[in-house]
Amino acid sequence: MKRVLPVLLILSAPLTLFALAPMQGPWQQQFGMMETLRLAQAGPYLSAEILQIQTDLGQQKIGDIDFATLVSVRERLSIASQKDDYVRDMGRHSYALPGLGQFEMGDTGSGFGFLALDLAVWAGTFFGVYYSLPDDLRFDHIDYFRDSFSSISNAWNGHTVVDYLPAFGVFVGGVVVDQIVRHWASGSARQEATGRIDSGTVKFTPRIGIGALGFSIAY
């Protein structure tokens, strides 16, 4: 493995340089159109690291950048990219299931809070929809476990679209409130993840290798 790592580093070096584009200085001018390869989806940590590397390299020419510097740049970009991924993932997880990102970060209090809030929204939506339906469709008029499918279908088909509008309105309102809770939980998770990174609570190690299909090499 030790022999493989230098080879991988050499192969990744051009990508490291391209990721820094556009940058000012004599060495950058030699790449010309490669400036278009700048990371379009770079997050705040990666963008800040690219700008800092730009400052650190300054006016160096391409021939003046040694292998150790390339390795250092690759490590810095790897860590910055992981930080952005961490913040993004915590936000996505808490959007998919409010509180999940908080649970993953060890914040069980906020996790339970957002999860309970979302469950309360859906419970309220369910009961709101139920009591907004016509009276003859409720459980005290229809036994949904014992009555035949035909009798249940006839009961539902016996109403017009207007009769269902109140229930539909409650359902749409529940979906809107649920989206508000999800975005709130997601934003809170992203903010907490950023705080954990900036405080040094969570740390990252440089990685090299193929980024697809979950394959990577840490060193």
N, C-alpha and C. Protein backbone atom coordinates (compact mmCIF):
# COMPACT_ATOMS: atom_id res chain seq x y z
N MET A 1 0.83 -1.21 0.00
CA MET A 1 0.00 0.00 0.00
C MET A 1 0.86 1.26 0.00
N LYS A 2 2.01 1.22 0.73
CA LYS A 2 2.86 2.41 0.78
C LYS A 2 3.40 2.77 -0.59
N ARG A 3 3.59 1.77 -1.46
CA ARG A 3 4.09 2.08 -2.81
C ARG A 3 2.99 2.63 -3.69
N VAL A 4 1.75 2.25 -3.37
CA VAL A 4 0.63 2.69 -4.19
C VAL A 4 0.29 4.14 -3.91
N LEU A 5 0.43 4.57 -2.66
CA LEU A 5 0.03 5.92 -2.28
C LEU A 5 0.74 7.01 -3.07
N PRO A 6 2.08 6.94 -3.23
CA PRO A 6 2.73 8.00 -4.03
C PRO A 6 2.23 8.06 -5.46
N VAL A 7 1.92 6.91 -6.03
CA VAL A 7 1.41 6.89 -7.40
C VAL A 7 0.07 7.59 -7.46
N LEU A 8 -0.81 7.28 -6.51
CA LEU A 8 -2.12 7.91 -6.48
C LEU A 8 -2.01 9.41 -6.27
N LEU A 9 -1.05 9.81 -5.45
CA LEU A 9 -0.86 11.23 -5.21
C LEU A 9 -0.42 11.95 -6.47
N ILE A 10 0.47 11.31 -7.21
CA ILE A 10 0.95 11.91 -8.46
C ILE A 10 -0.20 12.06 -9.45
N LEU A 11 -1.06 11.01 -9.50
CA LEU A 11 -2.19 11.07 -10.43
C LEU A 11 -3.20 12.13 -10.02
N SER A 12 -3.32 12.34 -8.71
CA SER A 12 -4.30 13.31 -8.25
C SER A 12 -3.77 14.74 -8.29
N ALA A 13 -2.48 14.91 -8.48
CA ALA A 13 -1.90 16.25 -8.44
C ALA A 13 -2.49 17.19 -9.49
N PRO A 14 -2.64 16.76 -10.76
CA PRO A 14 -3.25 17.67 -11.74
C PRO A 14 -4.64 18.10 -11.33
N LEU A 15 -5.42 17.19 -10.76
CA LEU A 15 -6.76 17.55 -10.32
C LEU A 15 -6.70 18.60 -9.23
N THR A 16 -5.71 18.49 -8.37
CA THR A 16 -5.53 19.47 -7.32
C THR A 16 -5.29 20.85 -7.91
N LEU A 17 -4.44 20.91 -8.89
CA LEU A 17 -4.13 22.20 -9.51
C LEU A 17 -5.34 22.76 -10.23
N PHE A 18 -6.06 21.90 -10.95
CA PHE A 18 -7.22 22.37 -11.69
C PHE A 18 -8.29 22.88 -10.74
N ALA A 19 -8.39 22.27 -9.59
CA ALA A 19 -9.41 22.68 -8.63
C ALA A 19 -9.16 24.08 -8.11
N LEU A 20 -7.92 24.54 -8.21
CA LEU A 20 -7.60 25.85 -7.70
C LEU A 20 -7.93 26.97 -8.69
N ALA A 21 -8.28 26.66 -9.91
CA ALA A 21 -8.56 27.66 -10.93
C ALA A 21 -9.87 28.36 -10.61
N PRO A 22 -10.11 29.64 -11.00
CA PRO A 22 -9.06 30.47 -11.56
C PRO A 22 -8.22 31.12 -10.46
N MET A 23 -6.93 31.17 -10.61
CA MET A 23 -6.02 31.77 -9.66
C MET A 23 -5.07 32.70 -10.42
N GLN A 24 -4.58 33.67 -9.69
CA GLN A 24 -3.69 34.63 -10.31
C GLN A 24 -2.25 34.20 -10.10
N GLY A 25 -1.38 34.49 -11.04
CA GLY A 25 0.03 34.15 -10.89
C GLY A 25 0.55 33.49 -12.15
N PRO A 26 1.85 33.56 -12.38
CA PRO A 26 2.46 33.02 -13.60
C PRO A 26 2.16 31.55 -13.82
N TRP A 27 2.18 30.72 -12.74
CA TRP A 27 1.99 29.28 -12.94
C TRP A 27 0.59 28.98 -13.44
N GLN A 28 -0.42 29.78 -12.99
CA GLN A 28 -1.80 29.50 -13.38
C GLN A 28 -2.03 29.82 -14.86
N GLN A 29 -1.33 30.78 -15.39
CA GLN A 29 -1.54 31.19 -16.76
C GLN A 29 -1.21 30.08 -17.75
N GLN A 30 -0.44 29.08 -17.30
CA GLN A 30 -0.04 28.00 -18.19
C GLN A 30 -1.18 27.01 -18.44
N PHE A 31 -2.26 27.14 -17.66
CA PHE A 31 -3.36 26.19 -17.82
C PHE A 31 -4.43 26.68 -18.78
N GLY A 32 -4.53 27.98 -19.00
CA GLY A 32 -5.47 28.52 -19.97
C GLY A 32 -6.89 28.07 -19.73
N MET A 33 -7.41 27.24 -20.65
CA MET A 33 -8.81 26.83 -20.59
C MET A 33 -9.11 25.95 -19.39
N MET A 34 -8.11 25.45 -18.69
CA MET A 34 -8.36 24.60 -17.53
C MET A 34 -9.04 25.38 -16.40
N GLU A 35 -9.06 26.71 -16.52
CA GLU A 35 -9.73 27.51 -15.51
C GLU A 35 -11.21 27.16 -15.42
N THR A 36 -11.78 26.66 -16.50
CA THR A 36 -13.20 26.32 -16.50
C THR A 36 -13.50 25.10 -15.65
N LEU A 37 -12.44 24.39 -15.19
CA LEU A 37 -12.64 23.20 -14.37
C LEU A 37 -12.78 23.53 -12.89
N ARG A 38 -12.89 24.78 -12.56
CA ARG A 38 -13.06 25.15 -11.16
C ARG A 38 -14.31 24.48 -10.59
N LEU A 39 -14.25 24.11 -9.32
CA LEU A 39 -15.36 23.41 -8.69
C LEU A 39 -16.60 24.29 -8.64
N ALA A 40 -17.60 23.92 -9.47
CA ALA A 40 -18.82 24.71 -9.53
C ALA A 40 -19.69 24.49 -8.30
N GLN A 41 -19.58 23.32 -7.69
CA GLN A 41 -20.43 22.98 -6.55
C GLN A 41 -19.68 23.12 -5.22
N ALA A 42 -18.59 23.85 -5.21
CA ALA A 42 -17.81 23.97 -3.98
C ALA A 42 -18.63 24.61 -2.87
N GLY A 43 -18.56 24.00 -1.68
CA GLY A 43 -19.23 24.54 -0.52
C GLY A 43 -18.41 25.63 0.13
N PRO A 44 -18.88 26.20 1.23
CA PRO A 44 -18.16 27.32 1.85
C PRO A 44 -16.77 26.95 2.35
N TYR A 45 -16.61 25.76 2.92
CA TYR A 45 -15.29 25.38 3.43
C TYR A 45 -14.30 25.17 2.28
N LEU A 46 -14.75 24.49 1.23
CA LEU A 46 -13.86 24.25 0.10
C LEU A 46 -13.54 25.55 -0.63
N SER A 47 -14.52 26.41 -0.79
CA SER A 47 -14.28 27.70 -1.44
C SER A 47 -13.27 28.53 -0.66
N ALA A 48 -13.44 28.54 0.66
CA ALA A 48 -12.51 29.31 1.49
C ALA A 48 -11.11 28.72 1.42
N GLU A 49 -11.00 27.40 1.37
CA GLU A 49 -9.69 26.75 1.32
C GLU A 49 -9.01 27.03 -0.02
N ILE A 50 -9.79 27.02 -1.09
CA ILE A 50 -9.23 27.33 -2.41
C ILE A 50 -8.65 28.75 -2.43
N LEU A 51 -9.39 29.70 -1.87
CA LEU A 51 -8.90 31.08 -1.82
C LEU A 51 -7.65 31.18 -0.96
N GLN A 52 -7.61 30.42 0.14
CA GLN A 52 -6.43 30.47 1.01
C GLN A 52 -5.22 29.86 0.33
N ILE A 53 -5.44 28.77 -0.40
CA ILE A 53 -4.34 28.15 -1.15
C ILE A 53 -3.84 29.10 -2.23
N GLN A 54 -4.77 29.79 -2.84
CA GLN A 54 -4.39 30.78 -3.85
C GLN A 54 -3.45 31.82 -3.25
N THR A 55 -3.79 32.28 -2.06
CA THR A 55 -2.94 33.27 -1.37
C THR A 55 -1.59 32.68 -1.00
N ASP A 56 -1.61 31.43 -0.51
CA ASP A 56 -0.37 30.80 -0.06
C ASP A 56 0.60 30.55 -1.22
N LEU A 57 0.06 30.14 -2.38
CA LEU A 57 0.94 29.86 -3.52
C LEU A 57 1.45 31.14 -4.17
N GLY A 58 0.62 32.17 -4.09
CA GLY A 58 1.04 33.47 -4.60
C GLY A 58 1.50 33.43 -6.05
N GLN A 59 2.68 33.96 -6.30
CA GLN A 59 3.21 34.10 -7.65
C GLN A 59 4.14 32.95 -8.06
N GLN A 60 4.07 31.84 -7.37
CA GLN A 60 4.95 30.72 -7.72
C GLN A 60 4.66 30.21 -9.13
N LYS A 61 5.71 29.81 -9.80
CA LYS A 61 5.57 29.20 -11.11
C LYS A 61 5.33 27.71 -10.93
N ILE A 62 4.76 27.08 -11.94
CA ILE A 62 4.43 25.67 -11.84
C ILE A 62 5.64 24.81 -11.52
N GLY A 63 6.80 25.19 -12.05
CA GLY A 63 8.01 24.41 -11.79
C GLY A 63 8.55 24.58 -10.38
N ASP A 64 8.08 25.62 -9.67
CA ASP A 64 8.56 25.87 -8.32
C ASP A 64 7.75 25.12 -7.26
N ILE A 65 6.63 24.53 -7.68
CA ILE A 65 5.78 23.83 -6.72
C ILE A 65 6.27 22.40 -6.58
N ASP A 66 6.79 22.05 -5.42
CA ASP A 66 7.35 20.72 -5.24
C ASP A 66 6.27 19.71 -4.86
N PHE A 67 6.68 18.46 -4.79
CA PHE A 67 5.75 17.37 -4.53
C PHE A 67 5.11 17.49 -3.14
N ALA A 68 5.90 17.89 -2.17
CA ALA A 68 5.38 18.03 -0.81
C ALA A 68 4.26 19.06 -0.75
N THR A 69 4.42 20.14 -1.53
CA THR A 69 3.38 21.17 -1.57
C THR A 69 2.11 20.62 -2.19
N LEU A 70 2.27 19.84 -3.28
CA LEU A 70 1.10 19.24 -3.92
C LEU A 70 0.36 18.31 -2.96
N VAL A 71 1.11 17.54 -2.20
CA VAL A 71 0.50 16.64 -1.23
C VAL A 71 -0.26 17.44 -0.18
N SER A 72 0.36 18.51 0.29
CA SER A 72 -0.28 19.35 1.30
C SER A 72 -1.56 19.98 0.77
N VAL A 73 -1.52 20.46 -0.48
CA VAL A 73 -2.70 21.06 -1.09
C VAL A 73 -3.81 20.03 -1.24
N ARG A 74 -3.43 18.82 -1.67
CA ARG A 74 -4.42 17.76 -1.83
C ARG A 74 -5.08 17.41 -0.50
N GLU A 75 -4.30 17.39 0.56
CA GLU A 75 -4.84 17.09 1.88
C GLU A 75 -5.81 18.19 2.35
N ARG A 76 -5.41 19.42 2.13
CA ARG A 76 -6.25 20.54 2.55
C ARG A 76 -7.58 20.56 1.80
N LEU A 77 -7.53 20.28 0.50
CA LEU A 77 -8.76 20.23 -0.29
C LEU A 77 -9.64 19.05 0.14
N SER A 78 -9.01 17.93 0.45
CA SER A 78 -9.77 16.76 0.88
C SER A 78 -10.51 17.03 2.18
N ILE A 79 -9.83 17.63 3.14
CA ILE A 79 -10.46 17.91 4.43
C ILE A 79 -11.57 18.95 4.27
N ALA A 80 -11.31 19.99 3.49
CA ALA A 80 -12.34 21.02 3.28
C ALA A 80 -13.58 20.44 2.60
N SER A 81 -13.36 19.56 1.63
CA SER A 81 -14.48 18.93 0.95
C SER A 81 -15.29 18.05 1.90
N GLN A 82 -14.59 17.34 2.78
CA GLN A 82 -15.29 16.51 3.76
C GLN A 82 -16.12 17.34 4.73
N LYS A 83 -15.62 18.50 5.08
CA LYS A 83 -16.38 19.40 5.97
C LYS A 83 -17.69 19.82 5.31
N ASP A 84 -17.60 20.20 4.04
CA ASP A 84 -18.82 20.59 3.33
C ASP A 84 -19.79 19.41 3.22
N ASP A 85 -19.25 18.22 2.96
CA ASP A 85 -20.10 17.03 2.86
C ASP A 85 -20.78 16.73 4.19
N TYR A 86 -20.05 16.92 5.27
CA TYR A 86 -20.60 16.64 6.60
C TYR A 86 -21.77 17.58 6.90
N VAL A 87 -21.59 18.85 6.66
CA VAL A 87 -22.66 19.82 6.89
C VAL A 87 -23.85 19.52 6.00
N ARG A 88 -23.56 19.23 4.74
CA ARG A 88 -24.63 18.93 3.79
C ARG A 88 -25.39 17.67 4.18
N ASP A 89 -24.66 16.63 4.59
CA ASP A 89 -25.31 15.37 4.95
C ASP A 89 -26.19 15.50 6.19
N MET A 90 -25.70 16.22 7.19
CA MET A 90 -26.51 16.40 8.40
C MET A 90 -27.80 17.14 8.08
N GLY A 91 -27.71 18.13 7.20
CA GLY A 91 -28.91 18.85 6.80
C GLY A 91 -29.87 17.98 6.03
N ARG A 92 -29.35 17.18 5.12
CA ARG A 92 -30.20 16.29 4.33
C ARG A 92 -30.87 15.24 5.19
N HIS A 93 -30.12 14.71 6.14
CA HIS A 93 -30.69 13.67 7.00
C HIS A 93 -31.83 14.22 7.85
N SER A 94 -31.65 15.44 8.35
CA SER A 94 -32.71 16.03 9.17
C SER A 94 -33.88 16.51 8.33
N TYR A 95 -33.66 16.70 7.05
CA TYR A 95 -34.80 17.02 6.18
C TYR A 95 -35.59 15.75 5.87
N ALA A 96 -34.88 14.64 5.61
CA ALA A 96 -35.56 13.39 5.32
C ALA A 96 -36.35 12.90 6.53
N LEU A 97 -35.76 13.02 7.73
CA LEU A 97 -36.42 12.64 8.98
C LEU A 97 -36.02 13.67 10.03
N PRO A 98 -36.90 14.62 10.32
CA PRO A 98 -36.56 15.67 11.27
C PRO A 98 -35.98 15.10 12.56
N GLY A 99 -34.81 15.62 12.92
CA GLY A 99 -34.13 15.17 14.13
C GLY A 99 -33.03 14.16 13.89
N LEU A 100 -33.01 13.51 12.71
CA LEU A 100 -32.03 12.47 12.46
C LEU A 100 -30.61 13.01 12.48
N GLY A 101 -30.39 14.15 11.83
CA GLY A 101 -29.05 14.74 11.82
C GLY A 101 -28.60 15.08 13.24
N GLN A 102 -29.53 15.60 14.05
CA GLN A 102 -29.19 15.93 15.43
C GLN A 102 -28.83 14.67 16.22
N PHE A 103 -29.57 13.59 15.99
CA PHE A 103 -29.24 12.33 16.66
C PHE A 103 -27.84 11.86 16.28
N GLU A 104 -27.49 11.96 15.00
CA GLU A 104 -26.18 11.51 14.54
C GLU A 104 -25.04 12.32 15.15
N MET A 105 -25.33 13.57 15.49
CA MET A 105 -24.31 14.42 16.09
C MET A 105 -24.31 14.32 17.61
N GLY A 106 -25.20 13.48 18.17
CA GLY A 106 -25.24 13.30 19.61
C GLY A 106 -26.14 14.27 20.34
N ASP A 107 -26.86 15.11 19.62
CA ASP A 107 -27.77 16.07 20.23
C ASP A 107 -29.16 15.44 20.33
N THR A 108 -29.34 14.57 21.31
CA THR A 108 -30.60 13.84 21.42
C THR A 108 -31.77 14.74 21.80
N GLY A 109 -31.49 15.79 22.57
CA GLY A 109 -32.55 16.69 22.97
C GLY A 109 -33.23 17.34 21.78
N SER A 110 -32.42 17.96 20.91
CA SER A 110 -32.98 18.60 19.71
C SER A 110 -33.54 17.55 18.76
N GLY A 111 -32.89 16.38 18.72
CA GLY A 111 -33.38 15.31 17.85
C GLY A 111 -34.78 14.89 18.22
N PHE A 112 -35.00 14.62 19.50
CA PHE A 112 -36.34 14.23 19.96
C PHE A 112 -37.33 15.38 19.77
N GLY A 113 -36.85 16.61 19.96
CA GLY A 113 -37.74 17.75 19.80
C GLY A 113 -38.27 17.87 18.38
N PHE A 114 -37.37 17.81 17.39
CA PHE A 114 -37.81 17.92 16.00
C PHE A 114 -38.64 16.70 15.57
N LEU A 115 -38.24 15.52 16.03
CA LEU A 115 -38.99 14.32 15.66
C LEU A 115 -40.40 14.36 16.26
N ALA A 116 -40.50 14.75 17.53
CA ALA A 116 -41.81 14.84 18.17
C ALA A 116 -42.68 15.90 17.50
N LEU A 117 -42.06 17.01 17.12
CA LEU A 117 -42.81 18.08 16.45
C LEU A 117 -43.37 17.60 15.12
N ASP A 118 -42.56 16.88 14.36
CA ASP A 118 -43.02 16.39 13.06
C ASP A 118 -44.11 15.34 13.22
N LEU A 119 -43.95 14.46 14.20
CA LEU A 119 -44.99 13.45 14.46
C LEU A 119 -46.29 14.12 14.91
N ALA A 120 -46.16 15.19 15.70
CA ALA A 120 -47.35 15.92 16.14
C ALA A 120 -48.06 16.57 14.96
N VAL A 121 -47.27 17.08 14.01
CA VAL A 121 -47.87 17.70 12.82
C VAL A 121 -48.67 16.67 12.04
N TRP A 122 -48.09 15.46 11.83
CA TRP A 122 -48.79 14.44 11.06
C TRP A 122 -49.97 13.86 11.83
N ALA A 123 -49.84 13.76 13.15
CA ALA A 123 -50.97 13.28 13.95
C ALA A 123 -52.12 14.30 13.88
N GLY A 124 -51.76 15.59 14.00
CA GLY A 124 -52.79 16.62 13.89
C GLY A 124 -53.42 16.64 12.52
N THR A 125 -52.60 16.43 11.49
CA THR A 125 -53.13 16.39 10.12
C THR A 125 -54.08 15.22 9.94
N PHE A 126 -53.71 14.06 10.46
CA PHE A 126 -54.56 12.87 10.33
C PHE A 126 -55.93 13.09 10.98
N PHE A 127 -55.91 13.57 12.23
CA PHE A 127 -57.19 13.79 12.92
C PHE A 127 -57.98 14.93 12.28
N GLY A 128 -57.24 15.96 11.80
CA GLY A 128 -57.93 17.06 11.13
C GLY A 128 -58.63 16.60 9.86
N VAL A 129 -57.94 15.77 9.07
CA VAL A 129 -58.54 15.23 7.86
C VAL A 129 -59.74 14.35 8.20
N TYR A 130 -59.57 13.51 9.22
CA TYR A 130 -60.64 12.58 9.60
C TYR A 130 -61.91 13.32 10.00
N TYR A 131 -61.77 14.33 10.85
CA TYR A 131 -62.95 15.05 11.32
C TYR A 131 -63.46 16.08 10.31
N SER A 132 -62.74 16.25 9.22
CA SER A 132 -63.22 17.12 8.14
C SER A 132 -64.00 16.33 7.09
N LEU A 133 -63.97 15.01 7.18
CA LEU A 133 -64.73 14.17 6.24
C LEU A 133 -66.22 14.21 6.58
N PRO A 134 -67.07 13.90 5.63
CA PRO A 134 -68.50 13.79 5.91
C PRO A 134 -68.74 12.80 7.06
N ASP A 135 -69.79 13.05 7.86
CA ASP A 135 -70.04 12.25 9.06
C ASP A 135 -70.21 10.77 8.76
N ASP A 136 -70.85 10.45 7.65
CA ASP A 136 -71.16 9.03 7.38
C ASP A 136 -69.93 8.23 6.93
N LEU A 137 -68.78 8.88 6.84
CA LEU A 137 -67.56 8.15 6.46
C LEU A 137 -66.67 7.85 7.66
N ARG A 138 -67.08 8.26 8.84
CA ARG A 138 -66.27 8.05 10.03
C ARG A 138 -66.52 6.65 10.60
N PHE A 139 -65.70 6.28 11.56
CA PHE A 139 -65.74 4.92 12.10
C PHE A 139 -67.03 4.60 12.83
N ASP A 140 -67.73 5.61 13.34
CA ASP A 140 -68.97 5.33 14.04
C ASP A 140 -70.13 5.04 13.09
N HIS A 141 -69.88 5.21 11.78
CA HIS A 141 -70.90 4.87 10.77
C HIS A 141 -70.46 3.71 9.88
N ILE A 142 -69.19 3.55 9.70
CA ILE A 142 -68.68 2.48 8.84
C ILE A 142 -67.65 1.65 9.62
N ASP A 143 -67.80 0.35 9.56
CA ASP A 143 -66.81 -0.55 10.14
C ASP A 143 -65.85 -0.96 9.02
N TYR A 144 -64.71 -0.26 8.95
CA TYR A 144 -63.78 -0.48 7.84
C TYR A 144 -63.09 -1.84 7.90
N PHE A 145 -63.23 -2.54 9.02
CA PHE A 145 -62.61 -3.86 9.15
C PHE A 145 -63.58 -5.00 8.84
N ARG A 146 -64.90 -4.75 8.95
CA ARG A 146 -65.86 -5.83 8.77
C ARG A 146 -66.83 -5.60 7.61
N ASP A 147 -67.08 -4.34 7.27
CA ASP A 147 -68.00 -4.06 6.16
C ASP A 147 -67.37 -4.47 4.83
N SER A 148 -68.21 -4.76 3.86
CA SER A 148 -67.71 -5.18 2.55
C SER A 148 -67.09 -4.01 1.80
N PHE A 149 -66.22 -4.35 0.85
CA PHE A 149 -65.59 -3.30 0.04
C PHE A 149 -66.64 -2.52 -0.75
N SER A 150 -67.66 -3.19 -1.19
CA SER A 150 -68.69 -2.52 -2.00
C SER A 150 -69.44 -1.49 -1.19
N SER A 151 -69.79 -1.81 0.06
CA SER A 151 -70.53 -0.85 0.88
C SER A 151 -69.65 0.35 1.24
N ILE A 152 -68.36 0.08 1.50
CA ILE A 152 -67.44 1.18 1.79
C ILE A 152 -67.26 2.06 0.57
N SER A 153 -67.11 1.42 -0.61
CA SER A 153 -66.94 2.18 -1.85
C SER A 153 -68.17 3.02 -2.15
N ASN A 154 -69.35 2.45 -1.92
CA ASN A 154 -70.59 3.20 -2.18
C ASN A 154 -70.69 4.42 -1.27
N ALA A 155 -70.25 4.27 -0.03
CA ALA A 155 -70.31 5.40 0.90
C ALA A 155 -69.40 6.53 0.45
N TRP A 156 -68.20 6.20 0.00
CA TRP A 156 -67.27 7.22 -0.47
C TRP A 156 -67.70 7.82 -1.80
N ASN A 157 -68.26 7.00 -2.66
CA ASN A 157 -68.71 7.50 -3.96
C ASN A 157 -70.00 8.29 -3.87
N GLY A 158 -70.64 8.26 -2.74
CA GLY A 158 -71.90 8.98 -2.58
C GLY A 158 -71.74 10.45 -2.29
N HIS A 159 -70.53 10.95 -2.33
CA HIS A 159 -70.28 12.36 -2.04
C HIS A 159 -69.64 13.05 -3.24
N THR A 160 -69.82 14.35 -3.29
CA THR A 160 -69.24 15.14 -4.37
C THR A 160 -67.83 15.60 -3.97
N VAL A 161 -67.14 16.17 -4.94
CA VAL A 161 -65.80 16.69 -4.69
C VAL A 161 -65.84 17.78 -3.63
N VAL A 162 -66.90 18.59 -3.67
CA VAL A 162 -67.01 19.69 -2.71
C VAL A 162 -67.04 19.17 -1.28
N ASP A 163 -67.64 18.01 -1.07
CA ASP A 163 -67.71 17.43 0.28
C ASP A 163 -66.33 17.10 0.83
N TYR A 164 -65.39 16.85 -0.05
CA TYR A 164 -64.05 16.46 0.38
C TYR A 164 -63.08 17.63 0.46
N LEU A 165 -63.49 18.80 0.03
CA LEU A 165 -62.60 19.95 0.01
C LEU A 165 -62.06 20.32 1.40
N PRO A 166 -62.89 20.33 2.45
CA PRO A 166 -62.33 20.66 3.77
C PRO A 166 -61.21 19.71 4.18
N ALA A 167 -61.41 18.40 3.97
CA ALA A 167 -60.39 17.43 4.34
C ALA A 167 -59.14 17.62 3.50
N PHE A 168 -59.34 17.92 2.21
CA PHE A 168 -58.20 18.14 1.34
C PHE A 168 -57.43 19.38 1.78
N GLY A 169 -58.12 20.43 2.17
CA GLY A 169 -57.47 21.64 2.63
C GLY A 169 -56.65 21.41 3.89
N VAL A 170 -57.19 20.61 4.81
CA VAL A 170 -56.44 20.27 6.03
C VAL A 170 -55.18 19.49 5.69
N PHE A 171 -55.30 18.55 4.75
CA PHE A 171 -54.14 17.75 4.36
C PHE A 171 -53.06 18.63 3.74
N VAL A 172 -53.43 19.53 2.85
CA VAL A 172 -52.45 20.42 2.22
C VAL A 172 -51.79 21.29 3.28
N GLY A 173 -52.59 21.78 4.23
CA GLY A 173 -52.03 22.59 5.31
C GLY A 173 -51.02 21.80 6.14
N GLY A 174 -51.33 20.52 6.39
CA GLY A 174 -50.41 19.67 7.13
C GLY A 174 -49.11 19.46 6.38
N VAL A 175 -49.19 19.29 5.06
CA VAL A 175 -47.98 19.11 4.25
C VAL A 175 -47.11 20.36 4.30
N VAL A 176 -47.75 21.53 4.24
CA VAL A 176 -47.01 22.79 4.29
C VAL A 176 -46.29 22.93 5.63
N VAL A 177 -47.01 22.66 6.71
CA VAL A 177 -46.40 22.77 8.04
C VAL A 177 -45.27 21.75 8.19
N ASP A 178 -45.47 20.54 7.65
CA ASP A 178 -44.43 19.52 7.70
C ASP A 178 -43.17 19.99 6.97
N GLN A 179 -43.34 20.65 5.83
CA GLN A 179 -42.18 21.16 5.10
C GLN A 179 -41.46 22.25 5.89
N ILE A 180 -42.22 23.07 6.60
CA ILE A 180 -41.60 24.09 7.43
C ILE A 180 -40.75 23.45 8.53
N VAL A 181 -41.31 22.40 9.16
CA VAL A 181 -40.57 21.70 10.22
C VAL A 181 -39.30 21.05 9.66
N ARG A 182 -39.42 20.44 8.47
CA ARG A 182 -38.27 19.77 7.87
C ARG A 182 -37.16 20.77 7.52
N HIS A 183 -37.54 21.90 6.95
CA HIS A 183 -36.53 22.91 6.62
C HIS A 183 -35.91 23.50 7.89
N TRP A 184 -36.71 23.66 8.91
CA TRP A 184 -36.21 24.16 10.19
C TRP A 184 -35.20 23.18 10.78
N ALA A 185 -35.58 21.90 10.81
CA ALA A 185 -34.69 20.87 11.35
C ALA A 185 -33.41 20.77 10.52
N SER A 186 -33.55 20.87 9.20
CA SER A 186 -32.38 20.78 8.32
C SER A 186 -31.44 21.96 8.55
N GLY A 187 -31.98 23.17 8.61
CA GLY A 187 -31.15 24.35 8.83
C GLY A 187 -30.47 24.31 10.19
N SER A 188 -31.20 23.84 11.20
CA SER A 188 -30.62 23.72 12.53
C SER A 188 -29.49 22.70 12.55
N ALA A 189 -29.67 21.59 11.84
CA ALA A 189 -28.63 20.55 11.78
C ALA A 189 -27.39 21.07 11.07
N ARG A 190 -27.58 21.80 9.98
CA ARG A 190 -26.44 22.36 9.26
C ARG A 190 -25.68 23.36 10.13
N GLN A 191 -26.42 24.18 10.85
CA GLN A 191 -25.79 25.17 11.73
C GLN A 191 -25.02 24.47 12.85
N GLU A 192 -25.61 23.42 13.42
CA GLU A 192 -24.94 22.68 14.49
C GLU A 192 -23.70 21.96 13.96
N ALA A 193 -23.79 21.40 12.77
CA ALA A 193 -22.64 20.72 12.17
C ALA A 193 -21.50 21.70 11.92
N THR A 194 -21.84 22.89 11.46
CA THR A 194 -20.83 23.92 11.24
C THR A 194 -20.15 24.30 12.55
N GLY A 195 -20.95 24.42 13.61
CA GLY A 195 -20.39 24.75 14.91
C GLY A 195 -19.46 23.66 15.43
N ARG A 196 -19.82 22.41 15.19
CA ARG A 196 -18.98 21.30 15.63
C ARG A 196 -17.64 21.28 14.88
N ILE A 197 -17.69 21.63 13.60
CA ILE A 197 -16.46 21.69 12.81
C ILE A 197 -15.57 22.83 13.28
N ASP A 198 -16.16 24.01 13.43
CA ASP A 198 -15.38 25.18 13.80
C ASP A 198 -14.79 25.07 15.21
N SER A 199 -15.48 24.34 16.09
CA SER A 199 -14.99 24.17 17.46
C SER A 199 -13.98 23.04 17.58
N GLY A 200 -13.84 22.24 16.51
CA GLY A 200 -12.92 21.13 16.54
C GLY A 200 -13.50 19.88 17.18
N THR A 201 -14.81 19.88 17.45
CA THR A 201 -15.45 18.71 18.04
C THR A 201 -15.40 17.51 17.11
N VAL A 202 -15.59 17.77 15.83
CA VAL A 202 -15.51 16.71 14.83
C VAL A 202 -14.29 16.99 13.95
N LYS A 203 -13.53 15.95 13.69
CA LYS A 203 -12.29 16.11 12.92
C LYS A 203 -12.30 15.19 11.69
N PHE A 204 -11.47 15.54 10.73
CA PHE A 204 -11.41 14.79 9.48
C PHE A 204 -9.96 14.48 9.14
N THR A 205 -9.78 13.39 8.40
CA THR A 205 -8.46 13.02 7.92
C THR A 205 -8.47 13.06 6.40
N PRO A 206 -7.33 13.41 5.78
CA PRO A 206 -7.29 13.46 4.31
C PRO A 206 -7.63 12.11 3.71
N ARG A 207 -8.28 12.13 2.57
CA ARG A 207 -8.60 10.91 1.85
C ARG A 207 -8.19 11.06 0.40
N ILE A 208 -7.73 9.97 -0.19
CA ILE A 208 -7.45 9.95 -1.61
C ILE A 208 -8.10 8.72 -2.19
N GLY A 209 -8.30 8.71 -3.50
CA GLY A 209 -8.87 7.53 -4.14
C GLY A 209 -10.09 7.90 -4.95
N ILE A 210 -10.79 6.89 -5.37
CA ILE A 210 -11.98 7.05 -6.19
C ILE A 210 -13.13 7.47 -5.30
N GLY A 211 -13.77 8.56 -5.67
CA GLY A 211 -14.85 9.06 -4.83
C GLY A 211 -16.20 8.41 -5.09
N ALA A 212 -16.33 7.65 -6.17
CA ALA A 212 -17.61 7.06 -6.51
C ALA A 212 -17.79 5.72 -5.81
N LEU A 213 -19.00 5.28 -5.72
CA LEU A 213 -19.35 3.97 -5.18
C LEU A 213 -18.85 3.78 -3.76
N GLY A 214 -18.64 4.89 -3.05
CA GLY A 214 -18.26 4.82 -1.64
C GLY A 214 -16.83 4.39 -1.41
N PHE A 215 -15.99 4.33 -2.44
CA PHE A 215 -14.60 3.88 -2.26
C PHE A 215 -13.69 5.06 -1.99
N SER A 216 -12.88 4.94 -0.96
CA SER A 216 -11.90 5.98 -0.67
C SER A 216 -10.78 5.36 0.15
N ILE A 217 -9.66 6.06 0.23
CA ILE A 217 -8.51 5.58 0.98
C ILE A 217 -8.12 6.69 1.95
N ALA A 218 -8.05 6.37 3.23
CA ALA A 218 -7.62 7.36 4.23
C ALA A 218 -6.17 7.10 4.59
N TYR A 219 -5.43 8.16 4.82
CA TYR A 219 -4.04 7.99 5.23
C TYR A 219 -3.66 9.08 6.22
